[in-house]
């Protein structure tokens, strides 16, 4: 999103390019979402999935942090620094 059309897509490869004032754009999006009853269901499902992925990632990282075999991995080394 950019207010200047010439700058759209210059910094990143965008799938959607929006030329607008950020404040008015956000107001319009919020107004639309307040009237969209399926949005709440979708966002709740998204949060549930996100929390599951976070917990899975925590378990994987904890396992790597607990692995002190040679060569020492980044997570195990950082865990020791964190304890210190």
PDB file of N, CA and C in Angstrom:
ATOM      1  N   UNK A   1       0.843  -1.166   0.000  1.00  0.00           N
ATOM      2  CA  UNK A   1       0.000   0.000   0.000  1.00  0.00           C
ATOM      3  C   UNK A   1       0.886   1.225   0.000  1.00  0.00           C
ATOM      4  N   UNK A   2       0.517   2.156  -0.824  1.00  0.00           N
ATOM      5  CA  UNK A   2       1.268   3.409  -0.882  1.00  0.00           C
ATOM      6  C   UNK A   2       0.344   4.510  -1.373  1.00  0.00           C
ATOM      7  N   UNK A   3       0.615   5.726  -0.947  1.00  0.00           N
ATOM      8  CA  UNK A   3      -0.179   6.860  -1.403  1.00  0.00           C
ATOM      9  C   UNK A   3       0.289   7.337  -2.786  1.00  0.00           C
ATOM     10  N   UNK A   4       1.521   6.974  -3.148  1.00  0.00           N
ATOM     11  CA  UNK A   4       2.113   7.395  -4.413  1.00  0.00           C
ATOM     12  C   UNK A   4       2.119   6.215  -5.392  1.00  0.00           C
ATOM     13  N   UNK A   5       1.407   6.336  -6.485  1.00  0.00           N
ATOM     14  CA  UNK A   5       1.270   5.235  -7.450  1.00  0.00           C
ATOM     15  C   UNK A   5       2.608   4.783  -8.007  1.00  0.00           C
ATOM     16  N   UNK A   6       3.550   5.681  -8.175  1.00  0.00           N
ATOM     17  CA  UNK A   6       4.849   5.335  -8.748  1.00  0.00           C
ATOM     18  C   UNK A   6       5.657   4.415  -7.839  1.00  0.00           C
ATOM     19  N   UNK A   7       5.345   4.419  -6.564  1.00  0.00           N
ATOM     20  CA  UNK A   7       6.107   3.626  -5.597  1.00  0.00           C
ATOM     21  C   UNK A   7       5.536   2.225  -5.385  1.00  0.00           C
ATOM     22  N   UNK A   8       4.344   1.963  -5.892  1.00  0.00           N
ATOM     23  CA  UNK A   8       3.721   0.649  -5.690  1.00  0.00           C
ATOM     24  C   UNK A   8       4.593  -0.445  -6.288  1.00  0.00           C
ATOM     25  N   UNK A   9       4.975  -1.406  -5.474  1.00  0.00           N
ATOM     26  CA  UNK A   9       5.757  -2.540  -5.941  1.00  0.00           C
ATOM     27  C   UNK A   9       7.248  -2.305  -6.019  1.00  0.00           C
ATOM     28  N   UNK A  10       7.726  -1.128  -5.657  1.00  0.00           N
ATOM     29  CA  UNK A  10       9.168  -0.868  -5.739  1.00  0.00           C
ATOM     30  C   UNK A  10       9.957  -1.606  -4.656  1.00  0.00           C
ATOM     31  N   UNK A  11       9.407  -1.754  -3.472  1.00  0.00           N
ATOM     32  CA  UNK A  11      10.144  -2.373  -2.368  1.00  0.00           C
ATOM     33  C   UNK A  11       9.942  -3.876  -2.278  1.00  0.00           C
ATOM     34  N   UNK A  12       8.784  -4.343  -2.647  1.00  0.00           N
ATOM     35  CA  UNK A  12       8.488  -5.773  -2.554  1.00  0.00           C
ATOM     36  C   UNK A  12       7.679  -6.199  -3.760  1.00  0.00           C
ATOM     37  N   UNK A  13       7.636  -7.505  -3.966  1.00  0.00           N
ATOM     38  CA  UNK A  13       6.800  -8.056  -5.027  1.00  0.00           C
ATOM     39  C   UNK A  13       5.397  -8.244  -4.455  1.00  0.00           C
ATOM     40  N   UNK A  14       4.460  -7.446  -4.884  1.00  0.00           N
ATOM     41  CA  UNK A  14       3.103  -7.444  -4.322  1.00  0.00           C
ATOM     42  C   UNK A  14       2.147  -8.292  -5.143  1.00  0.00           C
ATOM     43  N   UNK A  15       1.210  -8.956  -4.454  1.00  0.00           N
ATOM     44  CA  UNK A  15       0.121  -9.624  -5.186  1.00  0.00           C
ATOM     45  C   UNK A  15      -0.996  -8.626  -5.442  1.00  0.00           C
ATOM     46  N   UNK A  16      -1.193  -7.719  -4.485  1.00  0.00           N
ATOM     47  CA  UNK A  16      -2.229  -6.693  -4.624  1.00  0.00           C
ATOM     48  C   UNK A  16      -1.573  -5.343  -4.352  1.00  0.00           C
ATOM     49  N   UNK A  17      -1.776  -4.421  -5.244  1.00  0.00           N
ATOM     50  CA  UNK A  17      -1.240  -3.073  -5.061  1.00  0.00           C
ATOM     51  C   UNK A  17      -2.399  -2.132  -4.789  1.00  0.00           C
ATOM     52  N   UNK A  18      -2.316  -1.422  -3.669  1.00  0.00           N
ATOM     53  CA  UNK A  18      -3.393  -0.522  -3.274  1.00  0.00           C
ATOM     54  C   UNK A  18      -2.829   0.881  -3.143  1.00  0.00           C
ATOM     55  N   UNK A  19      -3.396   1.801  -3.910  1.00  0.00           N
ATOM     56  CA  UNK A  19      -3.013   3.205  -3.793  1.00  0.00           C
ATOM     57  C   UNK A  19      -4.111   3.890  -2.985  1.00  0.00           C
ATOM     58  N   UNK A  20      -3.763   4.322  -1.779  1.00  0.00           N
ATOM     59  CA  UNK A  20      -4.771   4.933  -0.916  1.00  0.00           C
ATOM     60  C   UNK A  20      -4.101   5.621   0.263  1.00  0.00           C
ATOM     61  N   UNK A  21      -4.862   6.451   0.929  1.00  0.00           N
ATOM     62  CA  UNK A  21      -4.457   7.023   2.200  1.00  0.00           C
ATOM     63  C   UNK A  21      -4.682   5.944   3.256  1.00  0.00           C
ATOM     64  N   UNK A  22      -3.677   5.638   4.051  1.00  0.00           N
ATOM     65  CA  UNK A  22      -3.746   4.533   5.009  1.00  0.00           C
ATOM     66  C   UNK A  22      -4.907   4.673   5.983  1.00  0.00           C
ATOM     67  N   UNK A  23      -5.121   5.863   6.513  1.00  0.00           N
ATOM     68  CA  UNK A  23      -6.179   6.068   7.502  1.00  0.00           C
ATOM     69  C   UNK A  23      -7.557   5.774   6.898  1.00  0.00           C
ATOM     70  N   UNK A  24      -7.851   6.340   5.738  1.00  0.00           N
ATOM     71  CA  UNK A  24      -9.176   6.114   5.140  1.00  0.00           C
ATOM     72  C   UNK A  24      -9.327   4.663   4.681  1.00  0.00           C
ATOM     73  N   UNK A  25      -8.251   4.065   4.198  1.00  0.00           N
ATOM     74  CA  UNK A  25      -8.309   2.661   3.794  1.00  0.00           C
ATOM     75  C   UNK A  25      -8.636   1.771   4.992  1.00  0.00           C
ATOM     76  N   UNK A  26      -7.950   1.979   6.099  1.00  0.00           N
ATOM     77  CA  UNK A  26      -8.192   1.169   7.295  1.00  0.00           C
ATOM     78  C   UNK A  26      -9.605   1.371   7.828  1.00  0.00           C
ATOM     79  N   UNK A  27     -10.101   2.599   7.773  1.00  0.00           N
ATOM     80  CA  UNK A  27     -11.474   2.856   8.206  1.00  0.00           C
ATOM     81  C   UNK A  27     -12.467   2.071   7.355  1.00  0.00           C
ATOM     82  N   UNK A  28     -12.253   2.058   6.042  1.00  0.00           N
ATOM     83  CA  UNK A  28     -13.150   1.320   5.145  1.00  0.00           C
ATOM     84  C   UNK A  28     -13.066  -0.189   5.377  1.00  0.00           C
ATOM     85  N   UNK A  29     -11.869  -0.704   5.590  1.00  0.00           N
ATOM     86  CA  UNK A  29     -11.705  -2.137   5.847  1.00  0.00           C
ATOM     87  C   UNK A  29     -12.387  -2.504   7.161  1.00  0.00           C
ATOM     88  N   UNK A  30     -12.179  -1.699   8.199  1.00  0.00           N
ATOM     89  CA  UNK A  30     -12.808  -1.979   9.496  1.00  0.00           C
ATOM     90  C   UNK A  30     -14.328  -1.937   9.396  1.00  0.00           C
ATOM     91  N   UNK A  31     -14.858  -0.984   8.656  1.00  0.00           N
ATOM     92  CA  UNK A  31     -16.308  -0.886   8.469  1.00  0.00           C
ATOM     93  C   UNK A  31     -16.831  -2.146   7.766  1.00  0.00           C
ATOM     94  N   UNK A  32     -16.122  -2.587   6.752  1.00  0.00           N
ATOM     95  CA  UNK A  32     -16.532  -3.794   6.032  1.00  0.00           C
ATOM     96  C   UNK A  32     -16.508  -5.015   6.961  1.00  0.00           C
ATOM     97  N   UNK A  33     -15.438  -5.144   7.742  1.00  0.00           N
ATOM     98  CA  UNK A  33     -15.293  -6.318   8.612  1.00  0.00           C
ATOM     99  C   UNK A  33     -16.328  -6.325   9.732  1.00  0.00           C
ATOM    100  N   UNK A  34     -16.744  -5.161  10.207  1.00  0.00           N
ATOM    101  CA  UNK A  34     -17.781  -5.093  11.236  1.00  0.00           C
ATOM    102  C   UNK A  34     -19.097  -5.657  10.716  1.00  0.00           C
ATOM    103  N   UNK A  35     -19.364  -5.518   9.431  1.00  0.00           N
ATOM    104  CA  UNK A  35     -20.606  -6.007   8.836  1.00  0.00           C
ATOM    105  C   UNK A  35     -20.495  -7.425   8.291  1.00  0.00           C
ATOM    106  N   UNK A  36     -19.280  -7.985   8.269  1.00  0.00           N
ATOM    107  CA  UNK A  36     -19.061  -9.326   7.721  1.00  0.00           C
ATOM    108  C   UNK A  36     -19.102 -10.340   8.860  1.00  0.00           C
ATOM    109  N   UNK A  37     -20.171 -11.097   8.941  1.00  0.00           N
ATOM    110  CA  UNK A  37     -20.357 -12.052  10.040  1.00  0.00           C
ATOM    111  C   UNK A  37     -19.440 -13.265   9.916  1.00  0.00           C
ATOM    112  N   UNK A  38     -18.981 -13.593   8.726  1.00  0.00           N
ATOM    113  CA  UNK A  38     -18.093 -14.749   8.567  1.00  0.00           C
ATOM    114  C   UNK A  38     -16.665 -14.423   8.979  1.00  0.00           C
ATOM    115  N   UNK A  39     -16.323 -13.135   9.050  1.00  0.00           N
ATOM    116  CA  UNK A  39     -14.960 -12.750   9.406  1.00  0.00           C
ATOM    117  C   UNK A  39     -14.592 -13.259  10.791  1.00  0.00           C
ATOM    118  N   UNK A  40     -15.492 -13.110  11.759  1.00  0.00           N
ATOM    119  CA  UNK A  40     -15.199 -13.540  13.124  1.00  0.00           C
ATOM    120  C   UNK A  40     -14.918 -15.030  13.177  1.00  0.00           C
ATOM    121  N   UNK A  41     -15.697 -15.823  12.469  1.00  0.00           N
ATOM    122  CA  UNK A  41     -15.475 -17.266  12.427  1.00  0.00           C
ATOM    123  C   UNK A  41     -14.117 -17.569  11.788  1.00  0.00           C
ATOM    124  N   UNK A  42     -13.809 -16.905  10.691  1.00  0.00           N
ATOM    125  CA  UNK A  42     -12.542 -17.142  10.004  1.00  0.00           C
ATOM    126  C   UNK A  42     -11.347 -16.735  10.862  1.00  0.00           C
ATOM    127  N   UNK A  43     -11.452 -15.611  11.551  1.00  0.00           N
ATOM    128  CA  UNK A  43     -10.332 -15.150  12.371  1.00  0.00           C
ATOM    129  C   UNK A  43     -10.143 -16.076  13.568  1.00  0.00           C
ATOM    130  N   UNK A  44     -11.239 -16.598  14.127  1.00  0.00           N
ATOM    131  CA  UNK A  44     -11.123 -17.534  15.240  1.00  0.00           C
ATOM    132  C   UNK A  44     -10.433 -18.822  14.786  1.00  0.00           C
ATOM    133  N   UNK A  45     -10.775 -19.313  13.608  1.00  0.00           N
ATOM    134  CA  UNK A  45     -10.110 -20.493  13.062  1.00  0.00           C
ATOM    135  C   UNK A  45      -8.639 -20.207  12.808  1.00  0.00           C
ATOM    136  N   UNK A  46      -8.344 -19.006  12.320  1.00  0.00           N
ATOM    137  CA  UNK A  46      -6.968 -18.634  12.049  1.00  0.00           C
ATOM    138  C   UNK A  46      -6.158 -18.610  13.339  1.00  0.00           C
ATOM    139  N   UNK A  47      -6.720 -18.019  14.413  1.00  0.00           N
ATOM    140  CA  UNK A  47      -6.019 -17.974  15.697  1.00  0.00           C
ATOM    141  C   UNK A  47      -5.789 -19.379  16.233  1.00  0.00           C
ATOM    142  N   UNK A  48      -6.781 -20.239  16.103  1.00  0.00           N
ATOM    143  CA  UNK A  48      -6.650 -21.623  16.586  1.00  0.00           C
ATOM    144  C   UNK A  48      -5.503 -22.321  15.855  1.00  0.00           C
ATOM    145  N   UNK A  49      -5.461 -22.191  14.540  1.00  0.00           N
ATOM    146  CA  UNK A  49      -4.392 -22.800  13.750  1.00  0.00           C
ATOM    147  C   UNK A  49      -3.045 -22.198  14.112  1.00  0.00           C
ATOM    148  N   UNK A  50      -2.995 -20.879  14.272  1.00  0.00           N
ATOM    149  CA  UNK A  50      -1.755 -20.208  14.629  1.00  0.00           C
ATOM    150  C   UNK A  50      -1.234 -20.704  15.980  1.00  0.00           C
ATOM    151  N   UNK A  51      -2.102 -20.822  16.957  1.00  0.00           N
ATOM    152  CA  UNK A  51      -1.684 -21.301  18.285  1.00  0.00           C
ATOM    153  C   UNK A  51      -1.160 -22.725  18.215  1.00  0.00           C
ATOM    154  N   UNK A  52      -1.763 -23.576  17.398  1.00  0.00           N
ATOM    155  CA  UNK A  52      -1.277 -24.945  17.228  1.00  0.00           C
ATOM    156  C   UNK A  52       0.124 -24.943  16.627  1.00  0.00           C
ATOM    157  N   UNK A  53       0.343 -24.103  15.628  1.00  0.00           N
ATOM    158  CA  UNK A  53       1.664 -24.022  15.001  1.00  0.00           C
ATOM    159  C   UNK A  53       2.703 -23.464  15.974  1.00  0.00           C
ATOM    160  N   UNK A  54       2.319 -22.488  16.781  1.00  0.00           N
ATOM    161  CA  UNK A  54       3.241 -21.917  17.772  1.00  0.00           C
ATOM    162  C   UNK A  54       3.659 -22.994  18.761  1.00  0.00           C
ATOM    163  N   UNK A  55       2.706 -23.766  19.247  1.00  0.00           N
ATOM    164  CA  UNK A  55       3.022 -24.826  20.210  1.00  0.00           C
ATOM    165  C   UNK A  55       3.923 -25.891  19.596  1.00  0.00           C
ATOM    166  N   UNK A  56       3.664 -26.233  18.342  1.00  0.00           N
ATOM    167  CA  UNK A  56       4.504 -27.207  17.649  1.00  0.00           C
ATOM    168  C   UNK A  56       5.924 -26.668  17.503  1.00  0.00           C
ATOM    169  N   UNK A  57       6.053 -25.400  17.105  1.00  0.00           N
ATOM    170  CA  UNK A  57       7.372 -24.791  16.960  1.00  0.00           C
ATOM    171  C   UNK A  57       8.112 -24.714  18.291  1.00  0.00           C
ATOM    172  N   UNK A  58       7.399 -24.402  19.370  1.00  0.00           N
ATOM    173  CA  UNK A  58       8.027 -24.361  20.690  1.00  0.00           C
ATOM    174  C   UNK A  58       8.602 -25.721  21.064  1.00  0.00           C
ATOM    175  N   UNK A  59       7.851 -26.771  20.783  1.00  0.00           N
ATOM    176  CA  UNK A  59       8.310 -28.126  21.111  1.00  0.00           C
ATOM    177  C   UNK A  59       9.549 -28.493  20.298  1.00  0.00           C
ATOM    178  N   UNK A  60       9.555 -28.160  19.020  1.00  0.00           N
ATOM    179  CA  UNK A  60      10.700 -28.469  18.158  1.00  0.00           C
ATOM    180  C   UNK A  60      11.936 -27.698  18.621  1.00  0.00           C
ATOM    181  N   UNK A  61      11.778 -26.420  18.912  1.00  0.00           N
ATOM    182  CA  UNK A  61      12.910 -25.599  19.348  1.00  0.00           C
ATOM    183  C   UNK A  61      13.419 -26.047  20.706  1.00  0.00           C
ATOM    184  N   UNK A  62      12.515 -26.423  21.599  1.00  0.00           N
ATOM    185  CA  UNK A  62      12.940 -26.912  22.914  1.00  0.00           C
ATOM    186  C   UNK A  62      13.749 -28.195  22.770  1.00  0.00           C
ATOM    187  N   UNK A  63      13.320 -29.079  21.871  1.00  0.00           N
ATOM    188  CA  UNK A  63      14.072 -30.316  21.625  1.00  0.00           C
ATOM    189  C   UNK A  63      15.472 -30.002  21.103  1.00  0.00           C
ATOM    190  N   UNK A  64      15.584 -29.021  20.202  1.00  0.00           N
ATOM    191  CA  UNK A  64      16.900 -28.635  19.687  1.00  0.00           C
ATOM    192  C   UNK A  64      17.746 -27.988  20.781  1.00  0.00           C
ATOM    193  N   UNK A  65      17.125 -27.197  21.648  1.00  0.00           N
ATOM    194  CA  UNK A  65      17.860 -26.552  22.742  1.00  0.00           C
ATOM    195  C   UNK A  65      18.361 -27.583  23.748  1.00  0.00           C
ATOM    196  N   UNK A  66      17.630 -28.669  23.909  1.00  0.00           N
ATOM    197  CA  UNK A  66      18.020 -29.729  24.844  1.00  0.00           C
ATOM    198  C   UNK A  66      19.078 -30.662  24.268  1.00  0.00           C
ATOM    199  N   UNK A  67      19.288 -30.620  22.955  1.00  0.00           N
ATOM    200  CA  UNK A  67      20.253 -31.500  22.289  1.00  0.00           C
ATOM    201  C   UNK A  67      21.649 -30.891  22.386  1.00  0.00           C
ATOM    202  N   UNK A  68      22.465 -31.431  23.279  1.00  0.00           N
ATOM    203  CA  UNK A  68      23.818 -30.896  23.482  1.00  0.00           C
ATOM    204  C   UNK A  68      24.886 -31.768  22.832  1.00  0.00           C
ATOM    205  N   UNK A  69      24.493 -32.574  21.859  1.00  0.00           N
ATOM    206  CA  UNK A  69      25.483 -33.400  21.165  1.00  0.00           C
ATOM    207  C   UNK A  69      26.368 -32.527  20.278  1.00  0.00           C
ATOM    208  N   UNK A  70      27.560 -33.061  19.968  1.00  0.00           N
ATOM    209  CA  UNK A  70      28.515 -32.337  19.124  1.00  0.00           C
ATOM    210  C   UNK A  70      28.211 -32.640  17.672  1.00  0.00           C
ATOM    211  N   UNK A  71      28.221 -31.665  16.782  1.00  0.00           N
ATOM    212  CA  UNK A  71      28.455 -30.239  17.012  1.00  0.00           C
ATOM    213  C   UNK A  71      27.220 -29.589  17.622  1.00  0.00           C
ATOM    214  N   UNK A  72      27.456 -28.666  18.492  1.00  0.00           N
ATOM    215  CA  UNK A  72      26.388 -27.973  19.201  1.00  0.00           C
ATOM    216  C   UNK A  72      25.602 -27.099  18.233  1.00  0.00           C
ATOM    217  N   UNK A  73      24.279 -27.222  18.260  1.00  0.00           N
ATOM    218  CA  UNK A  73      23.448 -26.399  17.371  1.00  0.00           C
ATOM    219  C   UNK A  73      23.211 -25.022  18.001  1.00  0.00           C
ATOM    220  N   UNK A  74      22.729 -24.113  17.195  1.00  0.00           N
ATOM    221  CA  UNK A  74      22.511 -22.729  17.622  1.00  0.00           C
ATOM    222  C   UNK A  74      21.600 -22.655  18.844  1.00  0.00           C
ATOM    223  N   UNK A  75      20.515 -23.416  18.841  1.00  0.00           N
ATOM    224  CA  UNK A  75      19.541 -23.329  19.929  1.00  0.00           C
ATOM    225  C   UNK A  75      20.128 -23.827  21.239  1.00  0.00           C
ATOM    226  N   UNK A  76      20.928 -24.889  21.188  1.00  0.00           N
ATOM    227  CA  UNK A  76      21.555 -25.402  22.405  1.00  0.00           C
ATOM    228  C   UNK A  76      22.567 -24.398  22.938  1.00  0.00           C
ATOM    229  N   UNK A  77      23.340 -23.785  22.052  1.00  0.00           N
ATOM    230  CA  UNK A  77      24.325 -22.794  22.480  1.00  0.00           C
ATOM    231  C   UNK A  77      23.625 -21.575  23.081  1.00  0.00           C
ATOM    232  N   UNK A  78      22.583 -21.106  22.431  1.00  0.00           N
ATOM    233  CA  UNK A  78      21.861 -19.935  22.932  1.00  0.00           C
ATOM    234  C   UNK A  78      21.196 -20.243  24.278  1.00  0.00           C
ATOM    235  N   UNK A  79      20.690 -21.461  24.442  1.00  0.00           N
ATOM    236  CA  UNK A  79      20.052 -21.831  25.710  1.00  0.00           C
ATOM    237  C   UNK A  79      21.047 -21.728  26.854  1.00  0.00           C
ATOM    238  N   UNK A  80      22.303 -22.113  26.602  1.00  0.00           N
ATOM    239  CA  UNK A  80      23.317 -22.004  27.644  1.00  0.00           C
ATOM    240  C   UNK A  80      23.639 -20.553  27.967  1.00  0.00           C
ATOM    241  N   UNK A  81      23.695 -19.712  26.965  1.00  0.00           N
ATOM    242  CA  UNK A  81      23.941 -18.290  27.185  1.00  0.00           C
ATOM    243  C   UNK A  81      22.779 -17.675  27.948  1.00  0.00           C
ATOM    244  N   UNK A  82      21.573 -18.074  27.603  1.00  0.00           N
ATOM    245  CA  UNK A  82      20.384 -17.543  28.264  1.00  0.00           C
ATOM    246  C   UNK A  82      20.368 -17.920  29.745  1.00  0.00           C
ATOM    247  N   UNK A  83      20.776 -19.154  30.064  1.00  0.00           N
ATOM    248  CA  UNK A  83      20.821 -19.614  31.459  1.00  0.00           C
ATOM    249  C   UNK A  83      21.855 -18.811  32.254  1.00  0.00           C
ATOM    250  N   UNK A  84      22.999 -18.532  31.621  1.00  0.00           N
ATOM    251  CA  UNK A  84      24.073 -17.815  32.268  1.00  0.00           C
ATOM    252  C   UNK A  84      23.635 -16.420  32.636  1.00  0.00           C
TER     253      UNK A  84
END
